[in-house]
């Protein structure tokens, strides 16, 4: 009788031991998951915190008119966005085109103008509205470079009347940027260009311009890459975090 009672107590003790072990393991797993979630949130906040300086690049295509003729100015600028409010960049632009709107006749032969322009620019832009998908700004740009105008015969491409020299210009306008993804945007602008000084006297380059370009934000590219690595790291630790991670980061 005593042997049976002792054996029964031993079985009960073993069951209680395994039950306590399972409960302890469950509590430990839950504690680890909570700790992992807290670590993920802390690491995410560190990655996503606002940056005071954001490097940016823009590929720019400007449309303008000279004596009624359409001209395209191609360029690129690179610089920084400060506190998501002020964009400061340096740019390079160029145009080379035949000007059918500027002609002259010498000895009964018609000559068309050929215009070349290259200049560097200091571009500033105040961003007065900035949301997830849309930002609005007021660009102000000063350009300095060289331009050249000569005339080519429509008969045999003989050149005459070459003029060249320094040019200084100012651009002012309004811009809007659509950002379908955080790191890339489609930017449009419209405004007025004023020539401050030009050695070439045969043309007036004042007028309205429009611009369409692509803006790339390198901070957001780095952020997306770091968040991808963070998701991968924590999903390895706890697959149950997948839903919470997607809610926090997408």
Protein backbone atom coordinates (compact mmCIF):
# COMPACT_ATOMS: atom_id res chain seq x y z
CA UNK A 1 0.00 0.00 0.00
CA UNK A 2 2.77 2.41 0.91
CA UNK A 3 4.69 1.47 -2.24
CA UNK A 4 1.66 2.22 -4.42
CA UNK A 5 1.16 5.57 -2.68
CA UNK A 6 4.81 6.57 -3.16
CA UNK A 7 4.71 5.56 -6.84
CA UNK A 8 1.52 7.61 -7.34
CA UNK A 9 3.12 10.65 -5.68
CA UNK A 10 6.18 10.33 -7.92
CA UNK A 11 4.02 10.35 -11.07
CA UNK A 12 2.13 13.38 -9.80
CA UNK A 13 5.39 15.19 -9.04
CA UNK A 14 6.71 14.47 -12.52
CA UNK A 15 3.51 15.81 -14.10
CA UNK A 16 3.66 18.94 -11.97
CA UNK A 17 7.32 19.42 -12.89
CA UNK A 18 6.65 19.18 -16.63
CA UNK A 19 3.63 21.49 -16.30
CA UNK A 20 5.73 24.09 -14.52
CA UNK A 21 8.46 23.67 -17.14
CA UNK A 22 5.97 24.28 -19.98
CA UNK A 23 4.52 27.32 -18.22
CA UNK A 24 7.98 28.71 -17.61
CA UNK A 25 8.98 28.20 -21.26
CA UNK A 26 5.76 29.88 -22.46
CA UNK A 27 6.34 32.88 -20.19
CA UNK A 28 9.95 33.09 -21.35
CA UNK A 29 8.92 33.01 -25.05
CA UNK A 30 6.31 35.72 -24.47
CA UNK A 31 8.87 37.83 -22.63
CA UNK A 32 11.37 37.38 -25.46
CA UNK A 33 8.74 38.35 -28.05
CA UNK A 34 7.86 41.50 -26.10
CA UNK A 35 11.55 42.34 -25.81
CA UNK A 36 12.03 41.72 -29.55
CA UNK A 37 9.09 44.00 -30.38
CA UNK A 38 10.50 46.75 -28.16
CA UNK A 39 13.92 46.37 -29.79
CA UNK A 40 12.37 46.50 -33.27
CA UNK A 41 10.40 49.66 -32.47
CA UNK A 42 13.49 51.33 -30.97
CA UNK A 43 15.64 50.40 -33.98
CA UNK A 44 12.91 51.54 -36.40
CA UNK A 45 12.62 54.94 -34.69
CA UNK A 46 16.38 55.34 -34.92
CA UNK A 47 16.33 54.67 -38.68
CA UNK A 48 13.23 56.78 -39.43
CA UNK A 49 14.07 59.82 -37.30
CA UNK A 50 14.04 63.14 -39.23
CA UNK A 51 17.27 64.11 -41.00
CA UNK A 52 18.35 67.75 -40.94
CA UNK A 53 20.38 67.37 -44.16
CA UNK A 54 19.15 65.27 -47.08
CA UNK A 55 21.33 64.85 -50.23
CA UNK A 56 19.33 65.18 -53.46
CA UNK A 57 19.84 64.97 -57.22
CA UNK A 58 17.52 66.26 -59.97
CA UNK A 59 17.52 65.47 -63.69
CA UNK A 60 16.00 68.53 -65.37
CA UNK A 61 14.48 69.25 -68.78
CA UNK A 62 13.42 72.86 -69.32
CA UNK A 63 11.22 74.17 -72.09
CA UNK A 64 11.54 77.80 -73.13
CA UNK A 65 10.86 80.03 -76.12
CA UNK A 66 13.16 82.34 -78.04
CA UNK A 67 11.44 84.67 -80.50
CA UNK A 68 8.54 82.22 -80.60
CA UNK A 69 10.74 79.18 -81.23
CA UNK A 70 10.70 76.31 -78.72
CA UNK A 71 14.03 75.37 -77.14
CA UNK A 72 14.90 72.57 -74.72
CA UNK A 73 17.50 73.10 -71.98
CA UNK A 74 18.90 69.92 -70.43
CA UNK A 75 20.66 69.80 -67.09
CA UNK A 76 21.27 68.24 -63.71
CA UNK A 77 21.64 69.65 -60.22
CA UNK A 78 22.81 68.18 -56.92
CA UNK A 79 22.79 69.47 -53.38
CA UNK A 80 20.94 69.19 -50.09
CA UNK A 81 17.49 69.72 -48.61
CA UNK A 82 17.77 71.43 -45.21
CA UNK A 83 15.13 70.64 -42.57
CA UNK A 84 12.73 69.68 -45.40
CA UNK A 85 12.26 73.42 -46.00
CA UNK A 86 15.16 74.82 -48.02
CA UNK A 87 16.71 73.15 -51.07
CA UNK A 88 20.19 74.39 -52.06
CA UNK A 89 21.87 72.89 -55.13
CA UNK A 90 24.47 73.50 -57.82
CA UNK A 91 23.52 72.72 -61.40
CA UNK A 92 24.82 72.49 -64.95
CA UNK A 93 22.70 73.23 -68.05
CA UNK A 94 23.21 73.39 -71.79
CA UNK A 95 21.39 73.99 -75.06
CA UNK A 96 22.54 73.78 -78.66
CA UNK A 97 20.02 74.39 -81.42
CA UNK A 98 19.42 75.95 -84.79
CA UNK A 99 17.39 79.15 -84.52
CA UNK A 100 15.01 79.40 -87.42
CA UNK A 101 13.46 82.39 -85.65
CA UNK A 102 16.67 84.43 -86.03
CA UNK A 103 17.79 84.95 -89.61
CA UNK A 104 19.69 87.41 -91.76
CA UNK A 105 20.20 87.85 -95.50
CA UNK A 106 23.62 88.63 -96.97
CA UNK A 107 24.17 88.91 -100.72
CA UNK A 108 20.77 87.36 -101.32
CA UNK A 109 21.73 84.29 -99.24
CA UNK A 110 19.69 83.48 -96.12
CA UNK A 111 21.50 82.66 -92.90
CA UNK A 112 19.92 80.92 -89.87
CA UNK A 113 21.13 81.44 -86.34
CA UNK A 114 22.94 78.68 -84.41
CA UNK A 115 22.82 79.15 -80.64
CA UNK A 116 24.91 77.43 -77.96
CA UNK A 117 24.52 78.02 -74.23
CA UNK A 118 26.24 76.37 -71.25
CA UNK A 119 26.03 77.64 -67.70
CA UNK A 120 26.33 76.70 -64.07
CA UNK A 121 23.63 77.63 -61.58
CA UNK A 122 23.06 78.22 -57.89
CA UNK A 123 19.53 77.04 -57.14
CA UNK A 124 17.61 77.76 -53.95
CA UNK A 125 14.05 76.69 -53.29
CA UNK A 126 11.79 77.36 -50.32
CA UNK A 127 9.42 74.42 -49.67
CA UNK A 128 6.27 75.93 -48.17
CA UNK A 129 4.15 72.73 -48.22
CA UNK A 130 5.44 69.19 -47.85
CA UNK A 131 3.24 66.10 -47.47
CA UNK A 132 3.78 62.38 -48.12
CA UNK A 133 2.83 62.64 -51.80
CA UNK A 134 2.99 66.34 -52.72
CA UNK A 135 5.40 69.20 -52.03
CA UNK A 136 5.11 72.80 -53.23
CA UNK A 137 7.99 75.25 -53.52
CA UNK A 138 9.25 78.59 -54.81
CA UNK A 139 12.56 78.21 -56.71
CA UNK A 140 15.02 81.06 -57.20
CA UNK A 141 18.04 80.42 -59.40
CA UNK A 142 21.05 82.38 -60.61
CA UNK A 143 22.93 81.12 -63.65
CA UNK A 144 26.35 82.16 -64.99
CA UNK A 145 28.06 80.88 -68.10
CA UNK A 146 28.82 81.43 -71.74
CA UNK A 147 26.76 81.64 -74.91
CA UNK A 148 27.52 81.82 -78.60
CA UNK A 149 25.50 82.90 -81.62
CA UNK A 150 26.62 82.54 -85.21
CA UNK A 151 24.85 82.36 -88.55
CA UNK A 152 25.02 79.48 -91.03
CA UNK A 153 24.16 79.74 -94.70
CA UNK A 154 21.15 77.71 -95.78
CA UNK A 155 23.04 77.15 -99.02
CA UNK A 156 26.41 75.74 -97.99
CA UNK A 157 26.66 76.06 -94.15
CA UNK A 158 29.13 78.91 -94.43
CA UNK A 159 29.37 80.67 -91.04
CA UNK A 160 29.34 84.42 -90.43
CA UNK A 161 28.62 87.02 -87.76
CA UNK A 162 29.85 85.05 -84.77
CA UNK A 163 29.16 86.55 -81.34
CA UNK A 164 30.06 85.02 -77.97
CA UNK A 165 30.60 85.97 -74.37
CA UNK A 166 29.46 85.89 -70.75
CA UNK A 167 25.81 85.59 -69.73
CA UNK A 168 24.13 85.97 -66.32
CA UNK A 169 20.49 85.03 -65.71
CA UNK A 170 17.94 84.74 -62.92
CA UNK A 171 15.01 82.32 -62.72
CA UNK A 172 12.02 82.64 -60.38
CA UNK A 173 8.88 80.53 -60.31
CA UNK A 174 6.62 77.99 -58.58
CA UNK A 175 7.13 74.24 -58.39
CA UNK A 176 5.20 71.10 -57.47
CA UNK A 177 6.61 67.62 -56.81
CA UNK A 178 4.58 64.39 -56.90
CA UNK A 179 6.19 61.57 -54.88
CA UNK A 180 4.65 58.16 -55.69
CA UNK A 181 7.52 56.62 -53.72
CA UNK A 182 9.39 58.23 -50.84
CA UNK A 183 12.75 58.26 -52.62
CA UNK A 184 11.74 59.48 -56.10
CA UNK A 185 9.50 62.26 -57.36
CA UNK A 186 8.29 63.90 -60.55
CA UNK A 187 8.90 67.64 -60.36
CA UNK A 188 7.34 70.37 -62.48
CA UNK A 189 7.92 74.11 -62.41
CA UNK A 190 6.85 77.23 -64.25
CA UNK A 191 8.29 80.73 -63.99
CA UNK A 192 10.09 83.64 -65.59
CA UNK A 193 13.70 83.98 -66.74
CA UNK A 194 15.43 87.38 -66.74
CA UNK A 195 18.81 87.98 -68.40
CA UNK A 196 20.91 90.20 -66.15
CA UNK A 197 23.84 90.55 -68.57
CA UNK A 198 24.69 89.16 -72.00
CA UNK A 199 27.59 89.91 -74.35
CA UNK A 200 25.57 88.57 -77.29
CA UNK A 201 23.41 91.49 -78.39
CA UNK A 202 21.44 89.96 -81.27
CA UNK A 203 19.00 88.03 -79.09
CA UNK A 204 16.81 88.57 -76.05
CA UNK A 205 16.54 85.53 -73.78
CA UNK A 206 13.98 86.93 -71.33
CA UNK A 207 10.77 84.95 -71.11
CA UNK A 208 8.59 82.29 -69.52
CA UNK A 209 9.97 78.81 -68.91
CA UNK A 210 8.60 75.46 -67.77
CA UNK A 211 10.47 72.53 -66.33
CA UNK A 212 9.89 68.80 -65.83
CA UNK A 213 12.38 66.61 -64.00
CA UNK A 214 13.02 63.64 -61.72
CA UNK A 215 14.13 64.19 -58.12
CA UNK A 216 15.99 61.45 -56.23
CA UNK A 217 16.26 61.51 -52.41
CA UNK A 218 19.21 59.39 -51.26
CA UNK A 219 18.20 59.50 -47.58
CA UNK A 220 15.00 57.59 -48.36
CA UNK A 221 16.94 55.03 -50.42
CA UNK A 222 19.25 54.37 -47.46
CA UNK A 223 16.28 54.22 -45.08
CA UNK A 224 14.44 51.65 -47.20
CA UNK A 225 17.58 49.50 -47.41
CA UNK A 226 18.16 49.70 -43.64
CA UNK A 227 14.50 48.88 -42.90
CA UNK A 228 14.70 45.89 -45.25
CA UNK A 229 17.71 44.58 -43.32
CA UNK A 230 15.92 45.26 -40.01
CA UNK A 231 12.80 43.35 -41.10
CA UNK A 232 14.93 40.43 -42.21
CA UNK A 233 16.81 40.40 -38.91
CA UNK A 234 13.74 40.43 -36.67
CA UNK A 235 11.72 38.02 -38.77
CA UNK A 236 14.48 35.49 -38.25
CA UNK A 237 14.13 36.00 -34.51
CA UNK A 238 10.33 35.86 -34.44
CA UNK A 239 8.16 35.21 -37.48
CA UNK A 240 5.09 36.27 -35.52
CA UNK A 241 6.38 39.85 -35.74
CA UNK A 242 5.79 39.98 -39.51
CA UNK A 243 2.37 41.59 -39.35
CA UNK A 244 3.42 44.19 -36.77
CA UNK A 245 6.54 45.04 -38.77
CA UNK A 246 4.57 45.62 -41.96
CA UNK A 247 2.08 47.85 -40.16
CA UNK A 248 4.87 49.99 -38.68
CA UNK A 249 7.01 50.34 -41.81
CA UNK A 250 4.82 50.23 -44.92
